[in-house]
């Protein structure tokens, strides 16, 4: 699928199979850009409308996501790389991302079948 793809991840929730990672998938396309990434307390609920928290945002968020995902159909962003000591102690961090995916290439085949 082309267009924007969004998602989230949480660090340290051992009861969740997605603990410490955020999974990104572009279907048959590839990640062409990481539009938004924030480990902290990003706001917003609509894909494409996420915003960084002024008080709780890890400064390496975008770099980590780009390094993990650019040019790939799917990737897993390892949330364990984020040092929580960089964030205020009052922060309850999680991760949100928005990536731009390329369109899936369409192959057209014209075939003539003789009848008779």
C-alpha atoms as a PDB file:
ATOM      1  CA  UNK A   1       0.000   0.000   0.000  1.00  0.00           C
ATOM      2  CA  UNK A   2       1.244   3.467  -0.753  1.00  0.00           C
ATOM      3  CA  UNK A   3       0.630   6.558   1.317  1.00  0.00           C
ATOM      4  CA  UNK A   4       0.994   7.131   5.034  1.00  0.00           C
ATOM      5  CA  UNK A   5       1.195   4.255   7.495  1.00  0.00           C
ATOM      6  CA  UNK A   6       1.084   4.872  11.252  1.00  0.00           C
ATOM      7  CA  UNK A   7       1.467   2.872  14.413  1.00  0.00           C
ATOM      8  CA  UNK A   8       2.717   2.728  17.959  1.00  0.00           C
ATOM      9  CA  UNK A   9       4.739   0.637  20.360  1.00  0.00           C
ATOM     10  CA  UNK A  10       5.404   0.343  24.074  1.00  0.00           C
ATOM     11  CA  UNK A  11       8.578  -0.389  25.993  1.00  0.00           C
ATOM     12  CA  UNK A  12       8.787  -3.003  28.720  1.00  0.00           C
ATOM     13  CA  UNK A  13       5.296  -4.519  28.656  1.00  0.00           C
ATOM     14  CA  UNK A  14       6.348  -8.166  28.912  1.00  0.00           C
ATOM     15  CA  UNK A  15       2.737  -9.393  28.708  1.00  0.00           C
ATOM     16  CA  UNK A  16       2.463  -8.005  25.202  1.00  0.00           C
ATOM     17  CA  UNK A  17       4.044  -9.818  22.253  1.00  0.00           C
ATOM     18  CA  UNK A  18       5.008  -6.411  20.850  1.00  0.00           C
ATOM     19  CA  UNK A  19       6.967  -5.334  23.927  1.00  0.00           C
ATOM     20  CA  UNK A  20      10.003  -3.166  23.184  1.00  0.00           C
ATOM     21  CA  UNK A  21       9.292  -2.771  19.486  1.00  0.00           C
ATOM     22  CA  UNK A  22       7.140  -0.985  16.967  1.00  0.00           C
ATOM     23  CA  UNK A  23       6.308  -2.915  13.802  1.00  0.00           C
ATOM     24  CA  UNK A  24       6.137  -1.033  10.491  1.00  0.00           C
ATOM     25  CA  UNK A  25       4.805  -2.471   7.233  1.00  0.00           C
ATOM     26  CA  UNK A  26       4.320  -0.952   3.788  1.00  0.00           C
ATOM     27  CA  UNK A  27       2.719  -3.974   2.138  1.00  0.00           C
ATOM     28  CA  UNK A  28       4.358  -4.355  -1.281  1.00  0.00           C
ATOM     29  CA  UNK A  29       5.859  -0.851  -1.231  1.00  0.00           C
ATOM     30  CA  UNK A  30       8.857   0.404   0.746  1.00  0.00           C
ATOM     31  CA  UNK A  31       9.383   3.079   3.406  1.00  0.00           C
ATOM     32  CA  UNK A  32      10.495   6.169   1.489  1.00  0.00           C
ATOM     33  CA  UNK A  33      10.427   8.597   4.432  1.00  0.00           C
ATOM     34  CA  UNK A  34       9.847   8.685   8.168  1.00  0.00           C
ATOM     35  CA  UNK A  35       7.518  11.653   8.506  1.00  0.00           C
ATOM     36  CA  UNK A  36       7.154  11.467  12.296  1.00  0.00           C
ATOM     37  CA  UNK A  37       8.659   9.449  15.124  1.00  0.00           C
ATOM     38  CA  UNK A  38       8.524  10.151  18.836  1.00  0.00           C
ATOM     39  CA  UNK A  39       9.450   8.107  21.858  1.00  0.00           C
ATOM     40  CA  UNK A  40       7.947   9.975  24.786  1.00  0.00           C
ATOM     41  CA  UNK A  41       4.379  11.167  25.112  1.00  0.00           C
ATOM     42  CA  UNK A  42       3.365  12.054  21.544  1.00  0.00           C
ATOM     43  CA  UNK A  43      -0.153  13.385  21.143  1.00  0.00           C
ATOM     44  CA  UNK A  44      -2.754  12.869  18.446  1.00  0.00           C
ATOM     45  CA  UNK A  45      -4.924   9.961  17.406  1.00  0.00           C
ATOM     46  CA  UNK A  46      -5.245  10.496  13.657  1.00  0.00           C
ATOM     47  CA  UNK A  47      -2.598   9.128  11.279  1.00  0.00           C
ATOM     48  CA  UNK A  48      -0.628  12.079   9.981  1.00  0.00           C
ATOM     49  CA  UNK A  49      -1.666  14.236  12.953  1.00  0.00           C
ATOM     50  CA  UNK A  50       0.771  13.066  15.633  1.00  0.00           C
ATOM     51  CA  UNK A  51       2.751  15.746  17.488  1.00  0.00           C
ATOM     52  CA  UNK A  52       5.767  15.688  19.816  1.00  0.00           C
ATOM     53  CA  UNK A  53       5.276  16.483  23.476  1.00  0.00           C
ATOM     54  CA  UNK A  54       7.148  19.624  24.491  1.00  0.00           C
ATOM     55  CA  UNK A  55       8.090  18.050  27.831  1.00  0.00           C
ATOM     56  CA  UNK A  56       8.542  14.359  26.950  1.00  0.00           C
ATOM     57  CA  UNK A  57      10.228  13.541  23.627  1.00  0.00           C
ATOM     58  CA  UNK A  58      13.431  11.563  23.073  1.00  0.00           C
ATOM     59  CA  UNK A  59      15.668  13.566  20.683  1.00  0.00           C
ATOM     60  CA  UNK A  60      16.913  10.458  18.820  1.00  0.00           C
ATOM     61  CA  UNK A  61      13.430   9.212  17.887  1.00  0.00           C
ATOM     62  CA  UNK A  62      13.502  10.187  14.223  1.00  0.00           C
ATOM     63  CA  UNK A  63      17.082   8.987  13.657  1.00  0.00           C
ATOM     64  CA  UNK A  64      16.358   5.572  15.190  1.00  0.00           C
ATOM     65  CA  UNK A  65      13.253   5.091  13.029  1.00  0.00           C
ATOM     66  CA  UNK A  66      14.996   6.194   9.814  1.00  0.00           C
ATOM     67  CA  UNK A  67      17.976   3.931  10.448  1.00  0.00           C
ATOM     68  CA  UNK A  68      15.692   0.939  11.061  1.00  0.00           C
ATOM     69  CA  UNK A  69      13.187   1.435   8.244  1.00  0.00           C
ATOM     70  CA  UNK A  70      14.193   3.531   5.222  1.00  0.00           C
ATOM     71  CA  UNK A  71      14.097   1.519   1.997  1.00  0.00           C
ATOM     72  CA  UNK A  72      12.475  -1.560   3.568  1.00  0.00           C
ATOM     73  CA  UNK A  73       9.036  -3.131   3.037  1.00  0.00           C
ATOM     74  CA  UNK A  74       8.746  -3.800   6.754  1.00  0.00           C
ATOM     75  CA  UNK A  75      10.879  -3.229   9.820  1.00  0.00           C
ATOM     76  CA  UNK A  76      10.885  -3.451  13.579  1.00  0.00           C
ATOM     77  CA  UNK A  77      11.948  -0.392  15.566  1.00  0.00           C
ATOM     78  CA  UNK A  78      13.765  -1.528  18.710  1.00  0.00           C
ATOM     79  CA  UNK A  79      12.464   0.614  21.572  1.00  0.00           C
ATOM     80  CA  UNK A  80      15.020  -0.749  24.044  1.00  0.00           C
ATOM     81  CA  UNK A  81      17.656   1.561  22.488  1.00  0.00           C
ATOM     82  CA  UNK A  82      15.970   4.613  24.021  1.00  0.00           C
ATOM     83  CA  UNK A  83      17.551   5.698  27.297  1.00  0.00           C
ATOM     84  CA  UNK A  84      14.638   6.668  29.542  1.00  0.00           C
ATOM     85  CA  UNK A  85      17.018   8.707  31.726  1.00  0.00           C
ATOM     86  CA  UNK A  86      16.965  11.353  28.967  1.00  0.00           C
ATOM     87  CA  UNK A  87      13.266  11.902  29.687  1.00  0.00           C
ATOM     88  CA  UNK A  88      11.706  13.538  32.761  1.00  0.00           C
ATOM     89  CA  UNK A  89      10.835  11.082  35.543  1.00  0.00           C
ATOM     90  CA  UNK A  90       7.171  12.076  35.232  1.00  0.00           C
ATOM     91  CA  UNK A  91       7.093  10.876  31.620  1.00  0.00           C
ATOM     92  CA  UNK A  92       5.233   7.654  30.787  1.00  0.00           C
ATOM     93  CA  UNK A  93       6.824   6.980  27.394  1.00  0.00           C
ATOM     94  CA  UNK A  94       5.480   5.168  24.368  1.00  0.00           C
ATOM     95  CA  UNK A  95       6.318   5.407  20.663  1.00  0.00           C
ATOM     96  CA  UNK A  96       4.302   6.636  17.692  1.00  0.00           C
ATOM     97  CA  UNK A  97       5.387   6.845  14.073  1.00  0.00           C
ATOM     98  CA  UNK A  98       4.193   7.933  10.648  1.00  0.00           C
ATOM     99  CA  UNK A  99       6.005   6.657   7.554  1.00  0.00           C
ATOM    100  CA  UNK A 100       5.540   7.387   3.874  1.00  0.00           C
ATOM    101  CA  UNK A 101       5.273   4.236   1.768  1.00  0.00           C
ATOM    102  CA  UNK A 102       5.873   3.965  -1.954  1.00  0.00           C
ATOM    103  CA  UNK A 103       3.087   2.695  -4.145  1.00  0.00           C
ATOM    104  CA  UNK A 104       3.142  -0.974  -5.029  1.00  0.00           C
ATOM    105  CA  UNK A 105       4.328  -1.312  -8.629  1.00  0.00           C
ATOM    106  CA  UNK A 106       1.618  -2.639 -10.938  1.00  0.00           C
ATOM    107  CA  UNK A 107       2.585  -5.062 -13.679  1.00  0.00           C
ATOM    108  CA  UNK A 108       0.355  -5.231 -16.706  1.00  0.00           C
ATOM    109  CA  UNK A 109       0.467  -8.205 -19.033  1.00  0.00           C
ATOM    110  CA  UNK A 110      -1.385  -8.329 -22.341  1.00  0.00           C
ATOM    111  CA  UNK A 111      -2.040 -11.867 -23.556  1.00  0.00           C
ATOM    112  CA  UNK A 112      -3.648 -13.049 -26.780  1.00  0.00           C
ATOM    113  CA  UNK A 113      -5.188 -16.509 -26.718  1.00  0.00           C
ATOM    114  CA  UNK A 114      -6.015 -17.967 -30.127  1.00  0.00           C
ATOM    115  CA  UNK A 115      -9.444 -19.554 -30.297  1.00  0.00           C
ATOM    116  CA  UNK A 116     -10.067 -22.541 -32.507  1.00  0.00           C
END
